[in-house]
Amino acid sequence: SVGIGPFVVGPAVERKMGKAAFAQLSIDATTWRSANWARGKGLYAEVYPDTDGMDESIKRLAESLVESNPQAMAELKKTCWQGTDHWDTLLAERAAISGELVLSDFTKKAIQQFKKK
């Protein structure tokens, strides 16, 4: 641990996974989590064993989206992003927290130790 946290990316990750999963991921940040774990927590919609499967699914989705009503999709996008109007302010506040932590003695020492490895 270098003494910082996921403050800037946090709102987006928390929105996808929920508060409990985000807290688990953030607090126990040094434990590796698999793609299937992340999918189970809502971070990923789908997981593929190879790039061919992923590419095929992306193509299928793109073809489906091309056929969708653009107005309906725009309204759906607004609905899906409801509750994020304050993010400009929130992200600036979180960036300030990250900036303070990066300048802390704890983080400076941790970065120096990391550089020695």
N, C-alpha and C. Protein backbone atom coordinates (compact mmCIF):
# COMPACT_ATOMS: atom_id res chain seq x y z
N SER A 1 0.84 -1.19 0.00
CA SER A 1 0.00 0.00 0.00
C SER A 1 0.88 1.24 0.00
N VAL A 2 0.54 2.16 -0.87
CA VAL A 2 1.30 3.41 -0.93
C VAL A 2 0.60 4.53 -0.19
N GLY A 3 -0.51 4.25 0.44
CA GLY A 3 -1.14 5.25 1.29
C GLY A 3 -2.13 6.17 0.62
N ILE A 4 -2.61 5.78 -0.53
CA ILE A 4 -3.67 6.55 -1.19
C ILE A 4 -4.87 5.64 -1.36
N GLY A 5 -5.94 6.15 -1.86
CA GLY A 5 -7.14 5.35 -2.05
C GLY A 5 -7.80 5.66 -3.38
N PRO A 6 -8.83 4.91 -3.72
CA PRO A 6 -9.52 5.09 -5.00
C PRO A 6 -10.54 6.23 -4.96
N PHE A 7 -10.09 7.40 -4.57
CA PHE A 7 -11.03 8.49 -4.35
C PHE A 7 -11.61 9.05 -5.64
N VAL A 8 -10.80 9.17 -6.68
CA VAL A 8 -11.29 9.76 -7.93
C VAL A 8 -12.14 8.76 -8.72
N VAL A 9 -11.67 7.52 -8.83
CA VAL A 9 -12.45 6.51 -9.57
C VAL A 9 -13.57 5.94 -8.72
N GLY A 10 -13.52 6.19 -7.42
CA GLY A 10 -14.48 5.61 -6.50
C GLY A 10 -15.94 5.79 -6.85
N PRO A 11 -16.39 6.99 -7.18
CA PRO A 11 -17.82 7.15 -7.48
C PRO A 11 -18.30 6.27 -8.63
N ALA A 12 -17.50 6.15 -9.67
CA ALA A 12 -17.91 5.32 -10.81
C ALA A 12 -17.92 3.84 -10.44
N VAL A 13 -16.89 3.40 -9.73
CA VAL A 13 -16.81 1.99 -9.34
C VAL A 13 -17.91 1.66 -8.33
N GLU A 14 -18.11 2.55 -7.36
CA GLU A 14 -19.17 2.33 -6.37
C GLU A 14 -20.55 2.29 -7.01
N ARG A 15 -20.76 3.12 -8.01
CA ARG A 15 -22.04 3.15 -8.72
C ARG A 15 -22.31 1.81 -9.40
N LYS A 16 -21.26 1.21 -9.96
CA LYS A 16 -21.41 -0.08 -10.64
C LYS A 16 -21.57 -1.24 -9.66
N MET A 17 -20.77 -1.25 -8.59
CA MET A 17 -20.70 -2.41 -7.71
C MET A 17 -21.58 -2.32 -6.47
N GLY A 18 -21.89 -1.10 -6.07
CA GLY A 18 -22.57 -0.91 -4.80
C GLY A 18 -21.55 -0.59 -3.71
N LYS A 19 -22.05 -0.01 -2.65
CA LYS A 19 -21.19 0.47 -1.57
C LYS A 19 -20.44 -0.67 -0.87
N ALA A 20 -21.11 -1.78 -0.60
CA ALA A 20 -20.48 -2.88 0.14
C ALA A 20 -19.33 -3.50 -0.66
N ALA A 21 -19.55 -3.79 -1.93
CA ALA A 21 -18.49 -4.38 -2.75
C ALA A 21 -17.35 -3.40 -2.96
N PHE A 22 -17.67 -2.12 -3.14
CA PHE A 22 -16.63 -1.10 -3.28
C PHE A 22 -15.79 -1.02 -2.02
N ALA A 23 -16.44 -1.05 -0.86
CA ALA A 23 -15.72 -1.01 0.41
C ALA A 23 -14.81 -2.23 0.54
N GLN A 24 -15.32 -3.41 0.19
CA GLN A 24 -14.52 -4.63 0.26
C GLN A 24 -13.29 -4.52 -0.63
N LEU A 25 -13.49 -4.06 -1.84
CA LEU A 25 -12.41 -3.92 -2.80
C LEU A 25 -11.39 -2.87 -2.35
N SER A 26 -11.87 -1.79 -1.79
CA SER A 26 -10.99 -0.69 -1.38
C SER A 26 -10.22 -0.98 -0.10
N ILE A 27 -10.90 -1.53 0.89
CA ILE A 27 -10.27 -1.78 2.18
C ILE A 27 -9.27 -2.92 2.09
N ASP A 28 -9.61 -3.97 1.36
CA ASP A 28 -8.71 -5.11 1.18
C ASP A 28 -8.12 -5.06 -0.22
N ALA A 29 -7.48 -3.95 -0.53
CA ALA A 29 -7.03 -3.67 -1.90
C ALA A 29 -5.89 -4.54 -2.38
N THR A 30 -5.17 -5.19 -1.48
CA THR A 30 -4.03 -6.00 -1.92
C THR A 30 -4.42 -7.44 -2.25
N THR A 31 -5.67 -7.80 -2.02
CA THR A 31 -6.13 -9.15 -2.37
C THR A 31 -6.62 -9.15 -3.81
N TRP A 32 -6.10 -10.08 -4.61
CA TRP A 32 -6.48 -10.20 -6.01
C TRP A 32 -7.91 -10.69 -6.13
N ARG A 33 -8.67 -10.08 -7.01
CA ARG A 33 -10.04 -10.51 -7.32
C ARG A 33 -10.10 -10.89 -8.79
N SER A 34 -10.79 -11.97 -9.08
CA SER A 34 -10.90 -12.45 -10.46
C SER A 34 -11.94 -11.65 -11.24
N ALA A 35 -11.91 -11.80 -12.55
CA ALA A 35 -12.91 -11.16 -13.40
C ALA A 35 -14.30 -11.68 -13.06
N ASN A 36 -14.41 -12.96 -12.73
CA ASN A 36 -15.72 -13.50 -12.37
C ASN A 36 -16.22 -12.92 -11.05
N TRP A 37 -15.32 -12.66 -10.10
CA TRP A 37 -15.71 -11.99 -8.86
C TRP A 37 -16.29 -10.62 -9.20
N ALA A 38 -15.58 -9.88 -10.05
CA ALA A 38 -16.01 -8.53 -10.43
C ALA A 38 -17.35 -8.58 -11.17
N ARG A 39 -17.54 -9.58 -12.02
CA ARG A 39 -18.82 -9.73 -12.72
C ARG A 39 -19.94 -10.00 -11.72
N GLY A 40 -19.67 -10.84 -10.75
CA GLY A 40 -20.67 -11.15 -9.73
C GLY A 40 -21.06 -9.94 -8.89
N LYS A 41 -20.16 -8.98 -8.80
CA LYS A 41 -20.43 -7.76 -8.04
C LYS A 41 -20.97 -6.64 -8.92
N GLY A 42 -21.13 -6.91 -10.23
CA GLY A 42 -21.71 -5.92 -11.13
C GLY A 42 -20.73 -5.01 -11.84
N LEU A 43 -19.43 -5.22 -11.63
CA LEU A 43 -18.45 -4.36 -12.29
C LEU A 43 -18.39 -4.65 -13.79
N TYR A 44 -18.51 -5.92 -14.15
CA TYR A 44 -18.55 -6.32 -15.56
C TYR A 44 -19.91 -6.94 -15.84
N ALA A 45 -20.42 -6.71 -17.05
CA ALA A 45 -21.67 -7.34 -17.45
C ALA A 45 -21.43 -8.77 -17.92
N GLU A 46 -20.32 -8.98 -18.60
CA GLU A 46 -19.99 -10.29 -19.14
C GLU A 46 -18.49 -10.51 -19.05
N VAL A 47 -18.10 -11.78 -18.98
CA VAL A 47 -16.69 -12.17 -18.97
C VAL A 47 -16.52 -13.28 -20.01
N TYR A 48 -15.44 -13.22 -20.77
CA TYR A 48 -15.21 -14.18 -21.85
C TYR A 48 -13.89 -14.89 -21.65
N PRO A 49 -13.82 -16.14 -22.10
CA PRO A 49 -12.56 -16.88 -21.95
C PRO A 49 -11.48 -16.43 -22.93
N ASP A 50 -11.90 -15.75 -24.00
CA ASP A 50 -10.91 -15.32 -24.99
C ASP A 50 -11.42 -14.08 -25.73
N THR A 51 -10.52 -13.46 -26.50
CA THR A 51 -10.89 -12.23 -27.20
C THR A 51 -11.87 -12.49 -28.34
N ASP A 52 -11.84 -13.68 -28.92
CA ASP A 52 -12.80 -13.98 -29.99
C ASP A 52 -14.23 -13.93 -29.47
N GLY A 53 -14.47 -14.53 -28.31
CA GLY A 53 -15.80 -14.49 -27.72
C GLY A 53 -16.22 -13.08 -27.37
N MET A 54 -15.28 -12.31 -26.85
CA MET A 54 -15.57 -10.92 -26.51
C MET A 54 -15.89 -10.12 -27.77
N ASP A 55 -15.07 -10.28 -28.81
CA ASP A 55 -15.30 -9.56 -30.06
C ASP A 55 -16.66 -9.90 -30.67
N GLU A 56 -17.03 -11.18 -30.61
CA GLU A 56 -18.32 -11.61 -31.15
C GLU A 56 -19.48 -10.95 -30.38
N SER A 57 -19.35 -10.89 -29.07
CA SER A 57 -20.40 -10.26 -28.26
C SER A 57 -20.48 -8.76 -28.51
N ILE A 58 -19.33 -8.11 -28.66
CA ILE A 58 -19.31 -6.67 -28.95
C ILE A 58 -19.98 -6.40 -30.29
N LYS A 59 -19.68 -7.24 -31.28
CA LYS A 59 -20.29 -7.08 -32.61
C LYS A 59 -21.80 -7.24 -32.53
N ARG A 60 -22.25 -8.26 -31.79
CA ARG A 60 -23.69 -8.49 -31.63
C ARG A 60 -24.36 -7.29 -30.97
N LEU A 61 -23.75 -6.77 -29.91
CA LEU A 61 -24.32 -5.62 -29.22
C LEU A 61 -24.33 -4.39 -30.11
N ALA A 62 -23.25 -4.14 -30.83
CA ALA A 62 -23.18 -2.98 -31.72
C ALA A 62 -24.26 -3.06 -32.79
N GLU A 63 -24.46 -4.24 -33.36
CA GLU A 63 -25.49 -4.41 -34.38
C GLU A 63 -26.88 -4.16 -33.79
N SER A 64 -27.09 -4.59 -32.57
CA SER A 64 -28.37 -4.37 -31.90
C SER A 64 -28.58 -2.88 -31.62
N LEU A 65 -27.54 -2.19 -31.18
CA LEU A 65 -27.65 -0.77 -30.87
C LEU A 65 -27.93 0.07 -32.11
N VAL A 66 -27.36 -0.33 -33.24
CA VAL A 66 -27.60 0.39 -34.50
C VAL A 66 -29.08 0.35 -34.87
N GLU A 67 -29.75 -0.70 -34.52
CA GLU A 67 -31.17 -0.87 -34.84
C GLU A 67 -32.09 -0.21 -33.82
N SER A 68 -31.54 0.28 -32.72
CA SER A 68 -32.36 0.86 -31.64
C SER A 68 -32.81 2.28 -31.98
N ASN A 69 -33.90 2.68 -31.39
CA ASN A 69 -34.43 4.04 -31.54
C ASN A 69 -33.47 5.01 -30.84
N PRO A 70 -32.83 5.93 -31.57
CA PRO A 70 -31.87 6.85 -30.95
C PRO A 70 -32.48 7.69 -29.83
N GLN A 71 -33.72 8.12 -30.00
CA GLN A 71 -34.36 8.93 -28.97
C GLN A 71 -34.58 8.10 -27.70
N ALA A 72 -35.02 6.88 -27.88
CA ALA A 72 -35.23 6.00 -26.72
C ALA A 72 -33.90 5.72 -26.02
N MET A 73 -32.84 5.53 -26.79
CA MET A 73 -31.53 5.27 -26.19
C MET A 73 -31.02 6.49 -25.44
N ALA A 74 -31.26 7.69 -25.97
CA ALA A 74 -30.84 8.92 -25.29
C ALA A 74 -31.58 9.07 -23.96
N GLU A 75 -32.87 8.76 -23.96
CA GLU A 75 -33.65 8.84 -22.72
C GLU A 75 -33.20 7.79 -21.72
N LEU A 76 -32.88 6.60 -22.22
CA LEU A 76 -32.39 5.54 -21.36
C LEU A 76 -31.06 5.94 -20.71
N LYS A 77 -30.20 6.56 -21.50
CA LYS A 77 -28.91 7.03 -20.98
C LYS A 77 -29.12 8.04 -19.86
N LYS A 78 -30.04 8.97 -20.05
CA LYS A 78 -30.35 9.95 -18.99
C LYS A 78 -30.82 9.25 -17.72
N THR A 79 -31.69 8.27 -17.90
CA THR A 79 -32.22 7.52 -16.76
C THR A 79 -31.11 6.78 -16.03
N CYS A 80 -30.25 6.13 -16.79
CA CYS A 80 -29.17 5.34 -16.19
C CYS A 80 -28.16 6.21 -15.43
N TRP A 81 -28.00 7.45 -15.83
CA TRP A 81 -27.02 8.34 -15.20
C TRP A 81 -27.65 9.29 -14.19
N GLN A 82 -28.93 9.08 -13.85
CA GLN A 82 -29.57 9.91 -12.84
C GLN A 82 -28.78 9.83 -11.54
N GLY A 83 -28.72 10.95 -10.84
CA GLY A 83 -28.04 10.96 -9.55
C GLY A 83 -26.55 11.23 -9.64
N THR A 84 -26.07 11.59 -10.82
CA THR A 84 -24.64 11.87 -10.98
C THR A 84 -24.37 13.34 -11.30
N ASP A 85 -25.39 14.17 -11.19
CA ASP A 85 -25.25 15.59 -11.54
C ASP A 85 -24.19 16.29 -10.70
N HIS A 86 -23.95 15.80 -9.51
CA HIS A 86 -22.99 16.43 -8.60
C HIS A 86 -21.55 15.94 -8.79
N TRP A 87 -21.32 15.08 -9.76
CA TRP A 87 -20.01 14.45 -9.90
C TRP A 87 -18.89 15.44 -10.23
N ASP A 88 -19.16 16.50 -10.95
CA ASP A 88 -18.09 17.47 -11.24
C ASP A 88 -17.49 17.98 -9.94
N THR A 89 -18.34 18.36 -9.01
CA THR A 89 -17.88 18.84 -7.71
C THR A 89 -17.25 17.71 -6.90
N LEU A 90 -17.92 16.56 -6.88
CA LEU A 90 -17.44 15.41 -6.12
C LEU A 90 -16.05 14.98 -6.58
N LEU A 91 -15.86 14.88 -7.89
CA LEU A 91 -14.56 14.43 -8.40
C LEU A 91 -13.45 15.42 -8.09
N ALA A 92 -13.77 16.70 -8.11
CA ALA A 92 -12.77 17.71 -7.74
C ALA A 92 -12.41 17.57 -6.26
N GLU A 93 -13.41 17.34 -5.41
CA GLU A 93 -13.15 17.14 -3.98
C GLU A 93 -12.30 15.89 -3.76
N ARG A 94 -12.63 14.82 -4.47
CA ARG A 94 -11.88 13.57 -4.32
C ARG A 94 -10.46 13.72 -4.84
N ALA A 95 -10.27 14.46 -5.91
CA ALA A 95 -8.92 14.71 -6.43
C ALA A 95 -8.09 15.47 -5.40
N ALA A 96 -8.72 16.40 -4.70
CA ALA A 96 -8.01 17.15 -3.66
C ALA A 96 -7.57 16.21 -2.53
N ILE A 97 -8.43 15.27 -2.16
CA ILE A 97 -8.06 14.28 -1.14
C ILE A 97 -6.86 13.47 -1.61
N SER A 98 -6.91 12.99 -2.86
CA SER A 98 -5.79 12.22 -3.41
C SER A 98 -4.52 13.05 -3.41
N GLY A 99 -4.63 14.31 -3.79
CA GLY A 99 -3.46 15.19 -3.81
C GLY A 99 -2.85 15.35 -2.43
N GLU A 100 -3.69 15.53 -1.42
CA GLU A 100 -3.18 15.65 -0.05
C GLU A 100 -2.49 14.37 0.39
N LEU A 101 -3.09 13.23 0.08
CA LEU A 101 -2.51 11.95 0.49
C LEU A 101 -1.18 11.68 -0.21
N VAL A 102 -1.08 12.03 -1.48
CA VAL A 102 0.17 11.82 -2.22
C VAL A 102 1.30 12.62 -1.60
N LEU A 103 0.97 13.76 -1.03
CA LEU A 103 1.99 14.62 -0.42
C LEU A 103 2.26 14.29 1.05
N SER A 104 1.54 13.32 1.61
CA SER A 104 1.74 12.97 3.02
C SER A 104 3.06 12.24 3.22
N ASP A 105 3.59 12.31 4.43
CA ASP A 105 4.85 11.62 4.75
C ASP A 105 4.71 10.12 4.55
N PHE A 106 3.57 9.56 4.94
CA PHE A 106 3.35 8.12 4.79
C PHE A 106 3.51 7.69 3.34
N THR A 107 2.85 8.41 2.45
CA THR A 107 2.89 8.05 1.03
C THR A 107 4.26 8.29 0.43
N LYS A 108 4.90 9.37 0.79
CA LYS A 108 6.26 9.63 0.29
C LYS A 108 7.21 8.51 0.68
N LYS A 109 7.11 8.05 1.93
CA LYS A 109 7.96 6.93 2.40
C LYS A 109 7.62 5.65 1.64
N ALA A 110 6.34 5.39 1.45
CA ALA A 110 5.92 4.18 0.74
C ALA A 110 6.42 4.19 -0.69
N ILE A 111 6.37 5.33 -1.34
CA ILE A 111 6.85 5.43 -2.72
C ILE A 111 8.36 5.24 -2.78
N GLN A 112 9.07 5.78 -1.82
CA GLN A 112 10.53 5.59 -1.77
C GLN A 112 10.87 4.12 -1.58
N GLN A 113 10.14 3.43 -0.71
CA GLN A 113 10.36 2.00 -0.50
C GLN A 113 10.07 1.21 -1.78
N PHE A 114 9.04 1.59 -2.47
CA PHE A 114 8.68 0.93 -3.73
C PHE A 114 9.77 1.12 -4.77
N LYS A 115 10.33 2.31 -4.84
CA LYS A 115 11.40 2.60 -5.81
C LYS A 115 12.65 1.79 -5.54
N LYS A 116 12.88 1.42 -4.28
CA LYS A 116 14.07 0.65 -3.91
C LYS A 116 13.97 -0.81 -4.35
N LYS A 117 12.78 -1.28 -4.61
CA LYS A 117 12.58 -2.70 -5.00
C LYS A 117 13.06 -2.97 -6.39
